[in-house]
Amino acid sequence: MTTPRRALIVIDVQQEYFSGPLEIQYPPHTDSLPRIAHAIDAATVAGIPVVAVQHTSGEGAPIFNPTQPGFQLHPDIERRRTGEWKTIVKQYSTVFAGTDLLPFLRERQIDTITLVGYMTNNCVLASAAEAETHGLTVEVLSDATGAINIANEAGFADAKTVHTTLMALFHSNFAAVADTATWSDAVAARHPLPKSDLRASAATGARRAGQA
């Protein structure tokens, strides 16, 4: 068993997601925020690098405006910040595009990134998918991420459906999915998280569908 060299990527835990139209709905941020904080604390104890990511849409934008309070990290995250944290400001959904995250990881020989933060249906999704192209193993903490209700001309999905569906999708191919407590135990033991694969997930899915 190879010991993972992890980095914890804390994605966009900004005030924008705690009220207004982008407020995280599932798991509710009252539940996910403490789990994110717990993951940060566990990473700090284990000496795992922490990367704090903030999204910007530019000055004058209605959301993620760097001159407005909504851009700031939630105080529960900000007060944990140390001088050893890596800080990244991004303009795209993925944490890699237009940032120096990948060189940071390469310099430290990081082979596994653990994703927490918001939103499951946007930046976590984009980052997990791109990580594969960089040869990185991905972990997603199901109770330390969160989604919103989505409705547009193409359809509607409530936040629970969005989140739980994406967790199953991640675990089938892109990432190992676990809750924060399980991940913390794996960190302490210096073990990787187990992950399914597309073939096994498809076979199990076919059986489940046939039983419906």
N, C-alpha and C. Protein backbone atom coordinates (compact mmCIF):
# COMPACT_ATOMS: atom_id res chain seq x y z
N MET A 1 0.85 -1.20 0.00
CA MET A 1 0.00 0.00 0.00
C MET A 1 0.88 1.25 0.00
N THR A 2 0.70 2.09 -1.00
CA THR A 2 1.49 3.30 -1.12
C THR A 2 0.91 4.40 -0.24
N THR A 3 1.76 5.06 0.53
CA THR A 3 1.31 6.15 1.37
C THR A 3 1.04 7.39 0.53
N PRO A 4 -0.17 7.94 0.58
CA PRO A 4 -0.46 9.14 -0.23
C PRO A 4 0.32 10.35 0.26
N ARG A 5 0.71 11.19 -0.67
CA ARG A 5 1.25 12.50 -0.33
C ARG A 5 0.15 13.50 -0.66
N ARG A 6 -0.56 13.93 0.38
CA ARG A 6 -1.80 14.68 0.21
C ARG A 6 -1.59 16.19 0.33
N ALA A 7 -2.52 16.91 -0.32
CA ALA A 7 -2.75 18.33 -0.05
C ALA A 7 -4.25 18.51 0.09
N LEU A 8 -4.65 19.34 1.03
CA LEU A 8 -6.07 19.65 1.23
C LEU A 8 -6.40 20.93 0.47
N ILE A 9 -7.33 20.84 -0.48
CA ILE A 9 -7.71 21.99 -1.28
C ILE A 9 -9.07 22.49 -0.78
N VAL A 10 -9.08 23.65 -0.17
CA VAL A 10 -10.30 24.24 0.41
C VAL A 10 -10.86 25.22 -0.62
N ILE A 11 -11.92 24.77 -1.31
CA ILE A 11 -12.41 25.50 -2.47
C ILE A 11 -13.52 26.48 -2.11
N ASP A 12 -13.26 27.75 -2.27
CA ASP A 12 -14.29 28.79 -2.30
C ASP A 12 -15.25 28.77 -1.11
N VAL A 13 -14.73 28.63 0.09
CA VAL A 13 -15.60 28.71 1.28
C VAL A 13 -15.78 30.18 1.61
N GLN A 14 -16.43 30.87 0.68
CA GLN A 14 -16.58 32.32 0.72
C GLN A 14 -17.97 32.70 1.20
N GLN A 15 -18.08 33.91 1.69
CA GLN A 15 -19.34 34.37 2.26
C GLN A 15 -20.49 34.35 1.25
N GLU A 16 -20.16 34.37 -0.01
CA GLU A 16 -21.17 34.34 -1.06
C GLU A 16 -22.08 33.11 -0.94
N TYR A 17 -21.55 32.03 -0.35
CA TYR A 17 -22.29 30.77 -0.30
C TYR A 17 -23.11 30.59 0.98
N PHE A 18 -23.18 31.62 1.79
CA PHE A 18 -23.87 31.46 3.08
C PHE A 18 -25.16 32.26 3.17
N SER A 19 -25.51 32.96 2.11
CA SER A 19 -26.79 33.66 2.03
C SER A 19 -27.03 34.02 0.56
N GLY A 20 -28.26 34.40 0.25
CA GLY A 20 -28.57 34.81 -1.12
C GLY A 20 -28.80 33.64 -2.04
N PRO A 21 -28.82 33.88 -3.36
CA PRO A 21 -29.19 32.83 -4.32
C PRO A 21 -28.22 31.67 -4.38
N LEU A 22 -26.97 31.87 -3.99
CA LEU A 22 -25.98 30.81 -4.04
C LEU A 22 -25.82 30.08 -2.70
N GLU A 23 -26.69 30.33 -1.76
CA GLU A 23 -26.56 29.69 -0.44
C GLU A 23 -26.59 28.17 -0.58
N ILE A 24 -25.61 27.53 -0.01
CA ILE A 24 -25.50 26.07 -0.08
C ILE A 24 -26.68 25.43 0.64
N GLN A 25 -27.29 24.45 -0.05
CA GLN A 25 -28.51 23.83 0.44
C GLN A 25 -28.33 22.40 0.95
N TYR A 26 -27.47 21.61 0.30
CA TYR A 26 -27.30 20.22 0.74
C TYR A 26 -25.87 19.74 0.48
N PRO A 27 -25.25 19.13 1.53
CA PRO A 27 -25.68 19.26 2.92
C PRO A 27 -25.73 20.74 3.31
N PRO A 28 -26.60 21.12 4.22
CA PRO A 28 -26.67 22.53 4.59
C PRO A 28 -25.33 23.02 5.12
N HIS A 29 -25.03 24.28 4.86
CA HIS A 29 -23.72 24.79 5.27
C HIS A 29 -23.52 24.76 6.78
N THR A 30 -24.62 24.71 7.54
CA THR A 30 -24.48 24.57 8.99
C THR A 30 -23.88 23.22 9.36
N ASP A 31 -24.02 22.24 8.46
CA ASP A 31 -23.40 20.94 8.67
C ASP A 31 -22.04 20.83 7.99
N SER A 32 -21.94 21.31 6.75
CA SER A 32 -20.70 21.13 6.00
C SER A 32 -19.56 22.02 6.49
N LEU A 33 -19.87 23.23 6.94
CA LEU A 33 -18.80 24.12 7.38
C LEU A 33 -18.01 23.54 8.55
N PRO A 34 -18.64 22.98 9.59
CA PRO A 34 -17.84 22.36 10.66
C PRO A 34 -17.00 21.19 10.16
N ARG A 35 -17.49 20.47 9.16
CA ARG A 35 -16.71 19.35 8.62
C ARG A 35 -15.50 19.87 7.85
N ILE A 36 -15.66 20.97 7.13
CA ILE A 36 -14.52 21.59 6.46
C ILE A 36 -13.48 22.03 7.48
N ALA A 37 -13.94 22.66 8.54
CA ALA A 37 -13.02 23.10 9.60
C ALA A 37 -12.30 21.90 10.22
N HIS A 38 -13.03 20.81 10.42
CA HIS A 38 -12.42 19.60 10.98
C HIS A 38 -11.35 19.05 10.04
N ALA A 39 -11.63 19.06 8.75
CA ALA A 39 -10.64 18.58 7.78
C ALA A 39 -9.38 19.44 7.82
N ILE A 40 -9.56 20.74 7.93
CA ILE A 40 -8.40 21.64 8.03
C ILE A 40 -7.59 21.32 9.28
N ASP A 41 -8.28 21.14 10.39
CA ASP A 41 -7.58 20.84 11.65
C ASP A 41 -6.82 19.52 11.54
N ALA A 42 -7.45 18.50 10.94
CA ALA A 42 -6.79 17.21 10.78
C ALA A 42 -5.57 17.32 9.87
N ALA A 43 -5.71 18.09 8.80
CA ALA A 43 -4.59 18.28 7.88
C ALA A 43 -3.43 19.00 8.58
N THR A 44 -3.76 19.99 9.37
CA THR A 44 -2.73 20.75 10.08
C THR A 44 -1.95 19.86 11.03
N VAL A 45 -2.67 19.03 11.79
CA VAL A 45 -2.02 18.11 12.73
C VAL A 45 -1.11 17.13 11.98
N ALA A 46 -1.57 16.68 10.81
CA ALA A 46 -0.81 15.69 10.04
C ALA A 46 0.29 16.30 9.18
N GLY A 47 0.39 17.62 9.15
CA GLY A 47 1.41 18.27 8.32
C GLY A 47 1.09 18.27 6.85
N ILE A 48 -0.21 18.14 6.52
CA ILE A 48 -0.65 18.15 5.12
C ILE A 48 -0.79 19.60 4.66
N PRO A 49 -0.22 19.96 3.52
CA PRO A 49 -0.37 21.34 3.03
C PRO A 49 -1.83 21.70 2.79
N VAL A 50 -2.18 22.92 3.15
CA VAL A 50 -3.54 23.42 2.96
C VAL A 50 -3.50 24.54 1.92
N VAL A 51 -4.40 24.43 0.94
CA VAL A 51 -4.51 25.45 -0.11
C VAL A 51 -5.89 26.08 -0.01
N ALA A 52 -5.94 27.38 0.23
CA ALA A 52 -7.21 28.11 0.31
C ALA A 52 -7.47 28.79 -1.02
N VAL A 53 -8.60 28.46 -1.63
CA VAL A 53 -8.95 28.98 -2.95
C VAL A 53 -10.14 29.93 -2.82
N GLN A 54 -10.06 31.05 -3.52
CA GLN A 54 -11.17 32.00 -3.61
C GLN A 54 -11.44 32.31 -5.07
N HIS A 55 -12.74 32.36 -5.40
CA HIS A 55 -13.14 32.68 -6.77
C HIS A 55 -13.39 34.17 -6.92
N THR A 56 -12.96 34.73 -8.04
CA THR A 56 -13.26 36.12 -8.34
C THR A 56 -13.92 36.23 -9.71
N SER A 57 -14.92 37.10 -9.78
CA SER A 57 -15.53 37.44 -11.06
C SER A 57 -15.11 38.83 -11.51
N GLY A 58 -14.24 39.47 -10.72
CA GLY A 58 -13.74 40.79 -11.08
C GLY A 58 -14.51 41.92 -10.42
N GLU A 59 -13.86 43.05 -10.31
CA GLU A 59 -14.51 44.23 -9.73
C GLU A 59 -15.71 44.64 -10.58
N GLY A 60 -16.77 45.00 -9.90
CA GLY A 60 -17.99 45.39 -10.58
C GLY A 60 -18.95 44.24 -10.82
N ALA A 61 -18.49 43.01 -10.61
CA ALA A 61 -19.36 41.85 -10.82
C ALA A 61 -20.39 41.77 -9.69
N PRO A 62 -21.59 41.22 -9.98
CA PRO A 62 -22.61 41.13 -8.93
C PRO A 62 -22.31 40.09 -7.87
N ILE A 63 -21.51 39.08 -8.21
CA ILE A 63 -21.09 38.08 -7.23
C ILE A 63 -19.59 37.84 -7.36
N PHE A 64 -19.00 37.38 -6.27
CA PHE A 64 -17.56 37.12 -6.22
C PHE A 64 -16.75 38.34 -6.64
N ASN A 65 -17.23 39.49 -6.22
CA ASN A 65 -16.54 40.76 -6.45
C ASN A 65 -15.49 40.92 -5.36
N PRO A 66 -14.21 41.00 -5.72
CA PRO A 66 -13.16 41.04 -4.69
C PRO A 66 -13.19 42.27 -3.81
N THR A 67 -13.98 43.27 -4.17
CA THR A 67 -14.10 44.46 -3.33
C THR A 67 -15.27 44.37 -2.36
N GLN A 68 -16.03 43.26 -2.41
CA GLN A 68 -17.24 43.12 -1.60
C GLN A 68 -17.08 42.02 -0.55
N PRO A 69 -17.88 42.08 0.52
CA PRO A 69 -17.75 41.09 1.60
C PRO A 69 -17.96 39.65 1.15
N GLY A 70 -18.78 39.43 0.13
CA GLY A 70 -19.05 38.07 -0.31
C GLY A 70 -17.83 37.33 -0.81
N PHE A 71 -16.80 38.06 -1.18
CA PHE A 71 -15.56 37.43 -1.67
C PHE A 71 -14.76 36.79 -0.54
N GLN A 72 -14.93 37.28 0.67
CA GLN A 72 -14.08 36.86 1.79
C GLN A 72 -14.37 35.43 2.21
N LEU A 73 -13.35 34.77 2.73
CA LEU A 73 -13.54 33.45 3.31
C LEU A 73 -14.42 33.56 4.55
N HIS A 74 -15.16 32.51 4.83
CA HIS A 74 -15.96 32.48 6.05
C HIS A 74 -15.02 32.62 7.25
N PRO A 75 -15.43 33.35 8.28
CA PRO A 75 -14.55 33.56 9.44
C PRO A 75 -14.05 32.27 10.09
N ASP A 76 -14.85 31.20 10.07
CA ASP A 76 -14.40 29.93 10.66
C ASP A 76 -13.22 29.34 9.91
N ILE A 77 -13.09 29.71 8.64
CA ILE A 77 -11.95 29.26 7.85
C ILE A 77 -10.81 30.26 7.98
N GLU A 78 -11.12 31.53 7.88
CA GLU A 78 -10.10 32.57 7.91
C GLU A 78 -9.29 32.52 9.21
N ARG A 79 -9.95 32.26 10.32
CA ARG A 79 -9.21 32.28 11.59
C ARG A 79 -8.29 31.07 11.76
N ARG A 80 -8.43 30.08 10.91
CA ARG A 80 -7.53 28.93 10.94
C ARG A 80 -6.31 29.14 10.05
N ARG A 81 -6.34 30.16 9.25
CA ARG A 81 -5.25 30.40 8.30
C ARG A 81 -3.92 30.58 9.02
N THR A 82 -2.89 29.96 8.47
CA THR A 82 -1.54 30.17 8.98
C THR A 82 -0.67 30.66 7.83
N GLY A 83 0.53 31.09 8.17
CA GLY A 83 1.45 31.55 7.15
C GLY A 83 1.92 30.46 6.21
N GLU A 84 1.68 29.22 6.56
CA GLU A 84 2.09 28.10 5.72
C GLU A 84 1.06 27.76 4.64
N TRP A 85 -0.14 28.33 4.75
CA TRP A 85 -1.16 28.04 3.74
C TRP A 85 -0.76 28.64 2.40
N LYS A 86 -1.16 27.94 1.35
CA LYS A 86 -1.06 28.47 -0.01
C LYS A 86 -2.39 29.14 -0.34
N THR A 87 -2.35 30.36 -0.84
CA THR A 87 -3.56 31.09 -1.21
C THR A 87 -3.64 31.23 -2.72
N ILE A 88 -4.81 30.93 -3.27
CA ILE A 88 -5.01 31.00 -4.71
C ILE A 88 -6.31 31.76 -4.99
N VAL A 89 -6.27 32.64 -5.96
CA VAL A 89 -7.47 33.30 -6.48
C VAL A 89 -7.66 32.82 -7.91
N LYS A 90 -8.85 32.30 -8.21
CA LYS A 90 -9.10 31.74 -9.53
C LYS A 90 -10.25 32.47 -10.23
N GLN A 91 -10.28 32.33 -11.55
CA GLN A 91 -11.33 32.94 -12.36
C GLN A 91 -12.20 31.90 -13.07
N TYR A 92 -11.80 30.65 -12.99
CA TYR A 92 -12.52 29.57 -13.66
C TYR A 92 -13.02 28.57 -12.63
N SER A 93 -13.86 27.64 -13.07
CA SER A 93 -14.40 26.66 -12.14
C SER A 93 -13.31 25.76 -11.57
N THR A 94 -12.41 25.28 -12.41
CA THR A 94 -11.35 24.42 -11.93
C THR A 94 -10.28 25.20 -11.18
N VAL A 95 -9.72 24.57 -10.17
CA VAL A 95 -8.68 25.23 -9.36
C VAL A 95 -7.35 25.30 -10.10
N PHE A 96 -7.23 24.61 -11.22
CA PHE A 96 -5.95 24.56 -11.93
C PHE A 96 -5.79 25.67 -12.96
N ALA A 97 -6.84 26.01 -13.67
CA ALA A 97 -6.73 26.95 -14.79
C ALA A 97 -6.36 28.35 -14.31
N GLY A 98 -5.29 28.89 -14.87
CA GLY A 98 -4.89 30.25 -14.56
C GLY A 98 -4.29 30.44 -13.18
N THR A 99 -3.92 29.34 -12.51
CA THR A 99 -3.31 29.45 -11.18
C THR A 99 -1.97 28.71 -11.17
N ASP A 100 -1.25 28.86 -10.08
CA ASP A 100 0.02 28.15 -9.95
C ASP A 100 -0.10 26.95 -9.01
N LEU A 101 -1.31 26.39 -8.92
CA LEU A 101 -1.51 25.25 -8.03
C LEU A 101 -0.69 24.04 -8.47
N LEU A 102 -0.72 23.72 -9.75
CA LEU A 102 -0.02 22.52 -10.19
C LEU A 102 1.49 22.58 -9.90
N PRO A 103 2.18 23.68 -10.21
CA PRO A 103 3.60 23.75 -9.82
C PRO A 103 3.81 23.61 -8.32
N PHE A 104 2.91 24.19 -7.53
CA PHE A 104 2.98 24.07 -6.07
C PHE A 104 2.93 22.60 -5.66
N LEU A 105 2.01 21.85 -6.25
CA LEU A 105 1.88 20.43 -5.92
C LEU A 105 3.09 19.64 -6.40
N ARG A 106 3.54 19.92 -7.61
CA ARG A 106 4.69 19.21 -8.16
C ARG A 106 5.95 19.42 -7.30
N GLU A 107 6.17 20.65 -6.86
CA GLU A 107 7.35 20.96 -6.06
C GLU A 107 7.38 20.17 -4.76
N ARG A 108 6.20 19.82 -4.26
CA ARG A 108 6.10 19.09 -3.00
C ARG A 108 5.83 17.60 -3.20
N GLN A 109 5.87 17.18 -4.44
CA GLN A 109 5.65 15.78 -4.80
C GLN A 109 4.30 15.26 -4.30
N ILE A 110 3.31 16.15 -4.34
CA ILE A 110 1.95 15.78 -3.95
C ILE A 110 1.36 14.90 -5.04
N ASP A 111 0.79 13.76 -4.65
CA ASP A 111 0.14 12.90 -5.64
C ASP A 111 -1.36 12.75 -5.41
N THR A 112 -1.85 13.28 -4.29
CA THR A 112 -3.27 13.13 -3.93
C THR A 112 -3.82 14.45 -3.43
N ILE A 113 -4.92 14.92 -4.01
CA ILE A 113 -5.56 16.13 -3.50
C ILE A 113 -6.92 15.77 -2.91
N THR A 114 -7.19 16.35 -1.77
CA THR A 114 -8.47 16.18 -1.09
C THR A 114 -9.27 17.45 -1.26
N LEU A 115 -10.46 17.33 -1.84
CA LEU A 115 -11.28 18.50 -2.15
C LEU A 115 -12.39 18.66 -1.12
N VAL A 116 -12.47 19.85 -0.55
CA VAL A 116 -13.58 20.24 0.30
C VAL A 116 -14.03 21.63 -0.14
N GLY A 117 -15.25 22.00 0.22
CA GLY A 117 -15.73 23.34 -0.11
C GLY A 117 -16.86 23.32 -1.11
N TYR A 118 -17.00 24.40 -1.85
CA TYR A 118 -18.20 24.65 -2.64
C TYR A 118 -17.86 25.05 -4.08
N MET A 119 -18.74 24.80 -5.04
CA MET A 119 -19.90 23.95 -4.90
C MET A 119 -19.59 22.58 -5.49
N THR A 120 -20.28 21.57 -4.96
CA THR A 120 -20.16 20.23 -5.53
C THR A 120 -20.41 20.24 -7.03
N ASN A 121 -21.43 20.98 -7.44
CA ASN A 121 -21.90 20.96 -8.82
C ASN A 121 -21.16 21.91 -9.74
N ASN A 122 -20.11 22.52 -9.28
CA ASN A 122 -19.39 23.44 -10.16
C ASN A 122 -17.87 23.28 -9.97
N CYS A 123 -17.32 23.93 -8.98
CA CYS A 123 -15.87 23.96 -8.85
C CYS A 123 -15.28 22.64 -8.36
N VAL A 124 -15.99 21.92 -7.50
CA VAL A 124 -15.51 20.61 -7.08
C VAL A 124 -15.53 19.65 -8.26
N LEU A 125 -16.62 19.68 -9.01
CA LEU A 125 -16.75 18.83 -10.20
C LEU A 125 -15.65 19.12 -11.21
N ALA A 126 -15.48 20.39 -11.56
CA ALA A 126 -14.49 20.76 -12.57
C ALA A 126 -13.07 20.41 -12.13
N SER A 127 -12.77 20.63 -10.86
CA SER A 127 -11.43 20.37 -10.34
C SER A 127 -11.13 18.87 -10.29
N ALA A 128 -12.12 18.08 -9.86
CA ALA A 128 -11.92 16.63 -9.81
C ALA A 128 -11.70 16.06 -11.20
N ALA A 129 -12.45 16.55 -12.18
CA ALA A 129 -12.31 16.04 -13.54
C ALA A 129 -10.96 16.42 -14.14
N GLU A 130 -10.51 17.65 -13.92
CA GLU A 130 -9.22 18.05 -14.51
C GLU A 130 -8.05 17.37 -13.84
N ALA A 131 -8.16 17.07 -12.55
CA ALA A 131 -7.04 16.48 -11.83
C ALA A 131 -6.54 15.20 -12.48
N GLU A 132 -7.49 14.43 -13.06
CA GLU A 132 -7.12 13.19 -13.73
C GLU A 132 -6.10 13.44 -14.83
N THR A 133 -6.24 14.55 -15.55
CA THR A 133 -5.33 14.85 -16.66
C THR A 133 -3.93 15.21 -16.17
N HIS A 134 -3.80 15.51 -14.91
CA HIS A 134 -2.50 15.85 -14.32
C HIS A 134 -1.90 14.68 -13.55
N GLY A 135 -2.55 13.52 -13.63
CA GLY A 135 -2.03 12.35 -12.95
C GLY A 135 -2.19 12.37 -11.45
N LEU A 136 -3.14 13.15 -10.97
CA LEU A 136 -3.37 13.27 -9.53
C LEU A 136 -4.51 12.36 -9.08
N THR A 137 -4.35 11.75 -7.94
CA THR A 137 -5.43 11.04 -7.28
C THR A 137 -6.29 12.06 -6.55
N VAL A 138 -7.60 11.86 -6.58
CA VAL A 138 -8.52 12.82 -5.97
C VAL A 138 -9.36 12.16 -4.89
N GLU A 139 -9.55 12.87 -3.81
CA GLU A 139 -10.49 12.50 -2.75
C GLU A 139 -11.49 13.63 -2.59
N VAL A 140 -12.76 13.29 -2.42
CA VAL A 140 -13.81 14.28 -2.18
C VAL A 140 -14.51 13.91 -0.89
N LEU A 141 -14.65 14.87 0.01
CA LEU A 141 -15.31 14.62 1.29
C LEU A 141 -16.78 14.98 1.17
N SER A 142 -17.63 13.98 1.25
CA SER A 142 -19.05 14.15 0.93
C SER A 142 -19.77 15.07 1.90
N ASP A 143 -19.34 15.10 3.16
CA ASP A 143 -20.02 15.96 4.14
C ASP A 143 -19.31 17.28 4.34
N ALA A 144 -18.26 17.54 3.57
CA ALA A 144 -17.52 18.80 3.65
C ALA A 144 -17.57 19.53 2.32
N THR A 145 -18.56 19.21 1.52
CA THR A 145 -18.85 19.88 0.26
C THR A 145 -20.35 20.16 0.24
N GLY A 146 -20.84 20.86 -0.76
CA GLY A 146 -22.27 21.16 -0.78
C GLY A 146 -22.74 21.68 -2.11
N ALA A 147 -24.04 21.48 -2.37
CA ALA A 147 -24.63 21.85 -3.65
C ALA A 147 -25.82 22.78 -3.45
N ILE A 148 -26.31 23.33 -4.56
CA ILE A 148 -27.49 24.19 -4.56
C ILE A 148 -28.57 23.56 -5.44
N ASN A 149 -29.79 24.04 -5.27
CA ASN A 149 -30.86 23.65 -6.18
C ASN A 149 -30.59 24.27 -7.55
N ILE A 150 -30.84 23.50 -8.60
CA ILE A 150 -30.56 23.95 -9.96
C ILE A 150 -31.83 23.87 -10.79
N ALA A 151 -32.19 24.96 -11.47
CA ALA A 151 -33.32 24.95 -12.40
C ALA A 151 -33.02 25.89 -13.55
N ASN A 152 -33.28 25.44 -14.76
CA ASN A 152 -33.12 26.27 -15.95
C ASN A 152 -33.92 25.64 -17.09
N GLU A 153 -33.69 26.09 -18.30
CA GLU A 153 -34.47 25.60 -19.43
C GLU A 153 -34.28 24.09 -19.68
N ALA A 154 -33.20 23.55 -19.17
CA ALA A 154 -32.93 22.12 -19.39
C ALA A 154 -33.56 21.23 -18.34
N GLY A 155 -34.02 21.81 -17.23
CA GLY A 155 -34.63 20.98 -16.21
C GLY A 155 -34.42 21.49 -14.80
N PHE A 156 -34.76 20.64 -13.84
CA PHE A 156 -34.65 20.99 -12.42
C PHE A 156 -34.08 19.80 -11.65
N ALA A 157 -33.21 20.10 -10.70
CA ALA A 157 -32.72 19.08 -9.76
C ALA A 157 -32.52 19.75 -8.41
N ASP A 158 -33.09 19.15 -7.37
CA ASP A 158 -32.90 19.71 -6.04
C ASP A 158 -31.48 19.42 -5.56
N ALA A 159 -31.05 20.16 -4.56
CA ALA A 159 -29.65 20.11 -4.12
C ALA A 159 -29.25 18.72 -3.63
N LYS A 160 -30.15 18.03 -2.94
CA LYS A 160 -29.80 16.69 -2.45
C LYS A 160 -29.56 15.74 -3.62
N THR A 161 -30.42 15.81 -4.63
CA THR A 161 -30.23 14.97 -5.81
C THR A 161 -28.93 15.31 -6.52
N VAL A 162 -28.66 16.60 -6.68
CA VAL A 162 -27.42 17.04 -7.32
C VAL A 162 -26.21 16.49 -6.58
N HIS A 163 -26.20 16.69 -5.27
CA HIS A 163 -25.03 16.33 -4.46
C HIS A 163 -24.82 14.81 -4.43
N THR A 164 -25.86 14.08 -4.11
CA THR A 164 -25.71 12.63 -3.98
C THR A 164 -25.41 11.97 -5.32
N THR A 165 -25.99 12.49 -6.39
CA THR A 165 -25.69 11.95 -7.71
C THR A 165 -24.23 12.17 -8.07
N LEU A 166 -23.73 13.36 -7.79
CA LEU A 166 -22.34 13.65 -8.11
C LEU A 166 -21.38 12.86 -7.24
N MET A 167 -21.74 12.58 -5.99
CA MET A 167 -20.88 11.75 -5.15
C MET A 167 -20.74 10.36 -5.75
N ALA A 168 -21.87 9.78 -6.22
CA ALA A 168 -21.81 8.47 -6.86
C ALA A 168 -21.00 8.52 -8.14
N LEU A 169 -21.17 9.59 -8.92
CA LEU A 169 -20.40 9.77 -10.14
C LEU A 169 -18.91 9.87 -9.84
N PHE A 170 -18.54 10.71 -8.87
CA PHE A 170 -17.13 10.85 -8.50
C PHE A 170 -16.52 9.50 -8.15
N HIS A 171 -17.22 8.77 -7.27
CA HIS A 171 -16.67 7.54 -6.72
C HIS A 171 -16.55 6.45 -7.78
N SER A 172 -17.31 6.59 -8.88
CA SER A 172 -17.25 5.60 -9.95
C SER A 172 -16.01 5.74 -10.83
N ASN A 173 -15.36 6.92 -10.76
CA ASN A 173 -14.25 7.13 -11.68
C ASN A 173 -13.28 8.22 -11.23
N PHE A 174 -13.78 9.40 -10.94
CA PHE A 174 -12.91 10.56 -10.75
C PHE A 174 -12.24 10.65 -9.39
N ALA A 175 -12.87 10.12 -8.35
CA ALA A 175 -12.38 10.38 -7.00
C ALA A 175 -12.83 9.31 -6.03
N ALA A 176 -12.08 9.17 -4.96
CA ALA A 176 -12.53 8.38 -3.82
C ALA A 176 -13.37 9.28 -2.94
N VAL A 177 -14.57 8.86 -2.60
CA VAL A 177 -15.49 9.67 -1.80
C VAL A 177 -15.61 9.06 -0.41
N ALA A 178 -15.54 9.91 0.60
CA ALA A 178 -15.68 9.46 1.98
C ALA A 178 -16.16 10.64 2.81
N ASP A 179 -16.64 10.35 4.02
CA ASP A 179 -16.96 11.45 4.92
C ASP A 179 -15.69 11.91 5.64
N THR A 180 -15.79 13.01 6.34
CA THR A 180 -14.60 13.62 6.94
C THR A 180 -14.00 12.74 8.02
N ALA A 181 -14.83 12.07 8.81
CA ALA A 181 -14.31 11.20 9.87
C ALA A 181 -13.50 10.05 9.28
N THR A 182 -14.02 9.43 8.22
CA THR A 182 -13.30 8.33 7.58
C THR A 182 -11.99 8.81 6.98
N TRP A 183 -12.04 9.98 6.35
CA TRP A 183 -10.81 10.55 5.77
C TRP A 183 -9.79 10.86 6.86
N SER A 184 -10.24 11.42 7.97
CA SER A 184 -9.32 11.76 9.06
C SER A 184 -8.63 10.51 9.59
N ASP A 185 -9.38 9.41 9.68
CA ASP A 185 -8.77 8.15 10.12
C ASP A 185 -7.74 7.67 9.10
N ALA A 186 -8.04 7.81 7.82
CA ALA A 186 -7.10 7.41 6.78
C ALA A 186 -5.84 8.28 6.81
N VAL A 187 -6.01 9.56 7.08
CA VAL A 187 -4.87 10.47 7.21
C VAL A 187 -3.98 10.04 8.37
N ALA A 188 -4.61 9.77 9.51
CA ALA A 188 -3.84 9.37 10.69
C ALA A 188 -3.08 8.06 10.45
N ALA A 189 -3.71 7.15 9.68
CA ALA A 189 -3.08 5.87 9.38
C ALA A 189 -2.16 5.93 8.17
N ARG A 190 -2.19 7.07 7.47
CA ARG A 190 -1.39 7.29 6.26
C ARG A 190 -1.77 6.30 5.17
N HIS A 191 -3.08 6.06 5.07
CA HIS A 191 -3.62 5.13 4.09
C HIS A 191 -4.40 5.89 3.01
N PRO A 192 -4.45 5.35 1.79
CA PRO A 192 -5.34 5.91 0.77
C PRO A 192 -6.78 5.54 1.05
N LEU A 193 -7.71 6.29 0.49
CA LEU A 193 -9.12 5.93 0.57
C LEU A 193 -9.46 4.94 -0.53
N PRO A 194 -10.30 3.95 -0.23
CA PRO A 194 -10.72 3.03 -1.29
C PRO A 194 -11.67 3.72 -2.27
N LYS A 195 -11.65 3.27 -3.52
CA LYS A 195 -12.50 3.86 -4.55
C LYS A 195 -13.06 2.75 -5.43
N SER A 196 -14.26 2.94 -5.91
CA SER A 196 -14.83 2.02 -6.88
C SER A 196 -14.25 2.31 -8.25
N ASP A 197 -14.81 1.71 -9.28
CA ASP A 197 -14.40 2.00 -10.65
C ASP A 197 -15.64 1.94 -11.54
N LEU A 198 -15.48 2.38 -12.77
CA LEU A 198 -16.63 2.51 -13.66
C LEU A 198 -17.29 1.16 -13.94
N ARG A 199 -16.49 0.12 -14.15
CA ARG A 199 -17.05 -1.20 -14.46
C ARG A 199 -17.86 -1.74 -13.28
N ALA A 200 -17.28 -1.67 -12.08
CA ALA A 200 -17.99 -2.18 -10.90
C ALA A 200 -19.23 -1.34 -10.62
N SER A 201 -19.13 -0.04 -10.78
CA SER A 201 -20.28 0.83 -10.54
C SER A 201 -21.38 0.56 -11.55
N ALA A 202 -20.99 0.32 -12.81
CA ALA A 202 -21.98 0.03 -13.85
C ALA A 202 -22.68 -1.30 -13.58
N ALA A 203 -21.92 -2.31 -13.17
CA ALA A 203 -22.51 -3.62 -12.89
C ALA A 203 -23.48 -3.54 -11.72
N THR A 204 -23.06 -2.83 -10.66
CA THR A 204 -23.94 -2.68 -9.51
C THR A 204 -25.16 -1.85 -9.87
N GLY A 205 -24.97 -0.83 -10.68
CA GLY A 205 -26.07 0.00 -11.12
C GLY A 205 -27.09 -0.79 -11.93
N ALA A 206 -26.60 -1.68 -12.79
CA ALA A 206 -27.49 -2.52 -13.59
C ALA A 206 -28.31 -3.44 -12.71
N ARG A 207 -27.67 -4.01 -11.69
CA ARG A 207 -28.41 -4.88 -10.77
C ARG A 207 -29.47 -4.11 -10.01
N ARG A 208 -29.07 -2.93 -9.51
CA ARG A 208 -30.02 -2.11 -8.75
C ARG A 208 -31.21 -1.69 -9.61
N ALA A 209 -30.93 -1.33 -10.86
CA ALA A 209 -32.00 -0.92 -11.77
C ALA A 209 -32.94 -2.08 -12.05
N GLY A 210 -32.38 -3.28 -12.16
CA GLY A 210 -33.19 -4.44 -12.43
C GLY A 210 -34.07 -4.84 -11.26
N GLN A 211 -33.66 -4.41 -10.07
CA GLN A 211 -34.42 -4.73 -8.87
C GLN A 211 -35.52 -3.71 -8.59
N ALA A 212 -35.46 -2.59 -9.30
CA ALA A 212 -36.41 -1.50 -9.03
C ALA A 212 -37.83 -1.89 -9.49
